[in-house]
Amino acid sequence: MTTVLNASAMQRALARMAHEILERNEDADQLVLIGLQTRGVFLARRLAERLSQTTGVPVPTGVLDISMHRDDLGLRGAAPEVKATHISFPIDGKTVVLVDDVLFTGRSVRAAMDALMDLGRPRRIQLAVLVDRGHWELPIRADYIGKATPTARDERIKVKMAEEDGVDEVSMVRSPA
């Protein structure tokens, strides 16, 4: 196991991402963050808190479950574990920043965009990820990246968040053969 980001490096990456989001989006009052279940939710809340502290404008955050929008539903043996989607604000005309922990193939992001479009018509959709590990299968790239970490196909990125795992850490592990 190799540590990619420790807790302080994760905090610095989130601070940088928050500043980049503000640089590209001058209308903070038109900005909303939506985290993908599960760890993207915690990342979105942390980013929104930083954005609100900087601008003085509250940044709404929502929770999006993509389980039923995945393109591999029929390929997985078990039924998907459906989690909550909770977006208590309109997204029509807003700049929506989708937030996820890891960008790998791009398929989760595509599913998230499909799910989001079922809920409204945002003005623009941007993507923020803590780790971009490469291996994209779709033409999807993140607008905001905490850390780009090229990986081999047999390596995995494991994100731990204090809210879920008791610790903030990103590590790379080799899958068993």
Protein backbone atom coordinates (compact mmCIF):
# COMPACT_ATOMS: atom_id res chain seq x y z
CA MET A 1 0.00 0.00 0.00
CA THR A 2 1.27 3.45 -0.95
CA THR A 3 -0.08 6.63 0.62
CA VAL A 4 -1.16 9.06 -2.10
CA LEU A 5 -2.59 11.78 0.18
CA ASN A 6 -2.39 12.01 3.95
CA ALA A 7 -4.85 14.13 5.93
CA SER A 8 -2.94 17.41 5.59
CA ALA A 9 -2.29 16.87 1.86
CA MET A 10 -6.01 16.15 1.40
CA GLN A 11 -6.87 19.42 3.16
CA ARG A 12 -4.45 21.35 0.94
CA ALA A 13 -5.89 19.72 -2.19
CA LEU A 14 -9.44 20.65 -1.17
CA ALA A 15 -8.37 24.23 -0.41
CA ARG A 16 -6.78 24.53 -3.85
CA MET A 17 -9.83 23.00 -5.55
CA ALA A 18 -12.13 25.47 -3.75
CA HIS A 19 -10.03 28.40 -4.97
CA GLU A 20 -10.06 27.03 -8.53
CA ILE A 21 -13.84 26.66 -8.41
CA LEU A 22 -14.19 30.30 -7.35
CA GLU A 23 -11.77 31.48 -10.03
CA ARG A 24 -13.89 29.87 -12.77
CA ASN A 25 -17.27 30.74 -11.27
CA GLU A 26 -17.59 34.39 -10.33
CA ASP A 27 -21.31 34.03 -9.52
CA ALA A 28 -21.02 32.12 -6.23
CA ASP A 29 -24.77 32.58 -5.69
CA GLN A 30 -25.41 30.50 -8.84
CA LEU A 31 -23.15 27.66 -7.70
CA VAL A 32 -24.32 24.36 -6.19
CA LEU A 33 -22.30 21.28 -5.28
CA ILE A 34 -23.68 17.76 -5.56
CA GLY A 35 -21.73 14.86 -4.12
CA LEU A 36 -21.94 11.35 -5.49
CA GLN A 37 -22.71 8.72 -2.86
CA THR A 38 -20.77 8.03 -0.64
CA ARG A 39 -17.45 9.81 -0.26
CA GLY A 40 -18.23 12.45 -2.88
CA VAL A 41 -20.92 13.70 -0.50
CA PHE A 42 -18.38 14.40 2.24
CA LEU A 43 -16.01 16.04 -0.23
CA ALA A 44 -18.82 18.27 -1.56
CA ARG A 45 -19.71 19.38 1.96
CA ARG A 46 -16.10 20.21 2.75
CA LEU A 47 -15.68 22.15 -0.50
CA ALA A 48 -18.96 24.04 0.06
CA GLU A 49 -17.83 24.99 3.56
CA ARG A 50 -14.57 26.40 2.19
CA LEU A 51 -16.38 28.23 -0.61
CA SER A 52 -18.89 29.74 1.83
CA GLN A 53 -16.13 30.85 4.20
CA THR A 54 -14.32 32.61 1.35
CA THR A 55 -17.33 34.27 -0.30
CA GLY A 56 -19.71 34.72 2.61
CA VAL A 57 -22.38 33.15 0.38
CA PRO A 58 -23.87 29.80 1.41
CA VAL A 59 -23.26 27.15 -1.26
CA PRO A 60 -26.04 24.55 -1.36
CA THR A 61 -24.95 20.92 -1.36
CA GLY A 62 -26.88 17.88 -2.44
CA VAL A 63 -26.51 14.12 -2.46
CA LEU A 64 -26.85 12.06 -5.64
CA ASP A 65 -27.19 8.30 -5.95
CA ILE A 66 -26.35 6.93 -9.39
CA SER A 67 -27.13 3.25 -8.76
CA MET A 68 -30.05 3.00 -11.16
CA HIS A 69 -28.31 5.01 -13.90
CA ARG A 70 -25.22 2.83 -14.20
CA ASP A 71 -24.55 1.15 -17.55
CA ASP A 72 -23.48 -2.10 -15.89
CA LEU A 73 -26.73 -2.89 -14.06
CA GLY A 74 -27.30 -6.08 -16.05
CA LEU A 75 -23.64 -7.11 -15.80
CA ARG A 76 -23.49 -7.12 -12.02
CA GLY A 77 -24.89 -10.21 -10.39
CA ALA A 78 -26.44 -8.61 -7.33
CA ALA A 79 -29.04 -5.88 -7.31
CA PRO A 80 -27.47 -2.46 -6.68
CA GLU A 81 -27.56 -0.97 -3.22
CA VAL A 82 -29.69 2.12 -3.76
CA LYS A 83 -28.85 5.03 -1.47
CA ALA A 84 -30.53 8.37 -0.95
CA THR A 85 -30.64 11.23 -3.40
CA HIS A 86 -31.34 14.47 -1.60
CA ILE A 87 -31.31 17.73 -3.53
CA SER A 88 -33.55 20.24 -1.79
CA PHE A 89 -32.91 23.16 -4.15
CA PRO A 90 -33.59 23.81 -7.82
CA ILE A 91 -30.73 23.08 -10.22
CA ASP A 92 -32.33 24.76 -13.25
CA GLY A 93 -30.03 27.50 -14.53
CA LYS A 94 -27.37 26.79 -11.89
CA THR A 95 -23.75 25.83 -12.26
CA VAL A 96 -23.63 22.35 -10.78
CA VAL A 97 -20.31 20.99 -9.61
CA LEU A 98 -20.51 17.21 -9.38
CA VAL A 99 -18.09 15.96 -6.74
CA ASP A 100 -16.66 12.44 -6.56
CA ASP A 101 -13.72 10.85 -4.84
CA VAL A 102 -12.06 9.04 -7.77
CA LEU A 103 -12.28 9.43 -11.54
CA PHE A 104 -11.46 6.15 -13.25
CA THR A 105 -13.33 5.19 -16.43
CA GLY A 106 -15.79 8.09 -16.47
CA ARG A 107 -18.80 5.79 -16.34
CA SER A 108 -19.91 6.92 -12.87
CA VAL A 109 -19.77 10.53 -14.03
CA ARG A 110 -21.87 9.71 -17.10
CA ALA A 111 -24.41 8.02 -14.83
CA ALA A 112 -24.36 11.06 -12.55
CA MET A 113 -25.07 13.41 -15.45
CA ASP A 114 -27.99 11.20 -16.54
CA ALA A 115 -29.38 11.21 -12.98
CA LEU A 116 -28.88 14.96 -12.70
CA MET A 117 -30.69 15.67 -15.97
CA ASP A 118 -33.68 13.75 -14.62
CA LEU A 119 -33.89 16.42 -11.91
CA GLY A 120 -33.61 19.58 -13.96
CA ARG A 121 -31.64 21.56 -16.50
CA PRO A 122 -28.48 23.10 -15.08
CA ARG A 123 -26.83 25.99 -16.90
CA ARG A 124 -23.54 24.12 -16.78
CA ILE A 125 -22.10 20.99 -15.16
CA GLN A 126 -18.54 20.82 -13.90
CA LEU A 127 -16.66 17.94 -12.28
CA ALA A 128 -14.45 17.97 -9.19
CA VAL A 129 -12.60 14.81 -8.13
CA LEU A 130 -10.15 14.23 -5.32
CA VAL A 131 -8.12 11.73 -7.39
CA ASP A 132 -7.93 11.24 -11.14
CA ARG A 133 -6.33 7.85 -11.78
CA GLY A 134 -6.63 7.78 -15.56
CA HIS A 135 -7.96 4.89 -17.69
CA TRP A 136 -10.90 6.94 -19.06
CA GLU A 137 -13.25 4.98 -21.28
CA LEU A 138 -15.51 7.94 -22.07
CA PRO A 139 -14.63 11.49 -23.13
CA ILE A 140 -15.01 12.83 -19.60
CA ARG A 141 -12.37 14.91 -17.82
CA ALA A 142 -12.45 16.60 -14.43
CA ASP A 143 -12.46 20.38 -14.21
CA TYR A 144 -10.95 20.32 -10.72
CA ILE A 145 -8.52 17.64 -9.56
CA GLY A 146 -7.04 17.24 -6.10
CA LYS A 147 -4.32 14.89 -7.32
CA ALA A 148 -3.65 13.14 -10.61
CA THR A 149 -2.27 9.69 -9.84
CA PRO A 150 -1.64 7.44 -12.84
CA THR A 151 -2.29 3.82 -11.95
CA ALA A 152 -1.93 0.41 -13.48
CA ARG A 153 -5.12 -1.53 -14.17
CA ASP A 154 -4.39 -3.90 -11.26
CA GLU A 155 -4.00 -1.02 -8.80
CA ARG A 156 -6.86 0.55 -6.88
CA ILE A 157 -7.28 3.92 -5.20
CA LYS A 158 -8.81 3.67 -1.74
CA VAL A 159 -10.21 6.89 -0.29
CA LYS A 160 -10.90 7.10 3.41
CA MET A 161 -12.85 9.99 4.87
CA ALA A 162 -13.12 10.83 8.56
CA GLU A 163 -16.93 11.03 8.32
CA GLU A 164 -17.17 7.42 7.11
CA ASP A 165 -13.86 5.76 7.99
CA GLY A 166 -12.53 7.71 10.97
CA VAL A 167 -9.47 8.96 9.06
CA ASP A 168 -8.63 11.09 6.02
CA GLU A 169 -6.32 9.22 3.67
CA VAL A 170 -5.93 8.20 0.06
CA SER A 171 -3.85 5.13 -0.73
CA MET A 172 -3.02 3.02 -3.73
CA VAL A 173 -3.20 -0.74 -3.36
CA ARG A 174 -2.43 -3.53 -5.76
CA SER A 175 -5.36 -5.88 -6.35
CA PRO A 176 -4.70 -9.51 -5.48
CA ALA A 177 -3.95 -11.64 -8.53
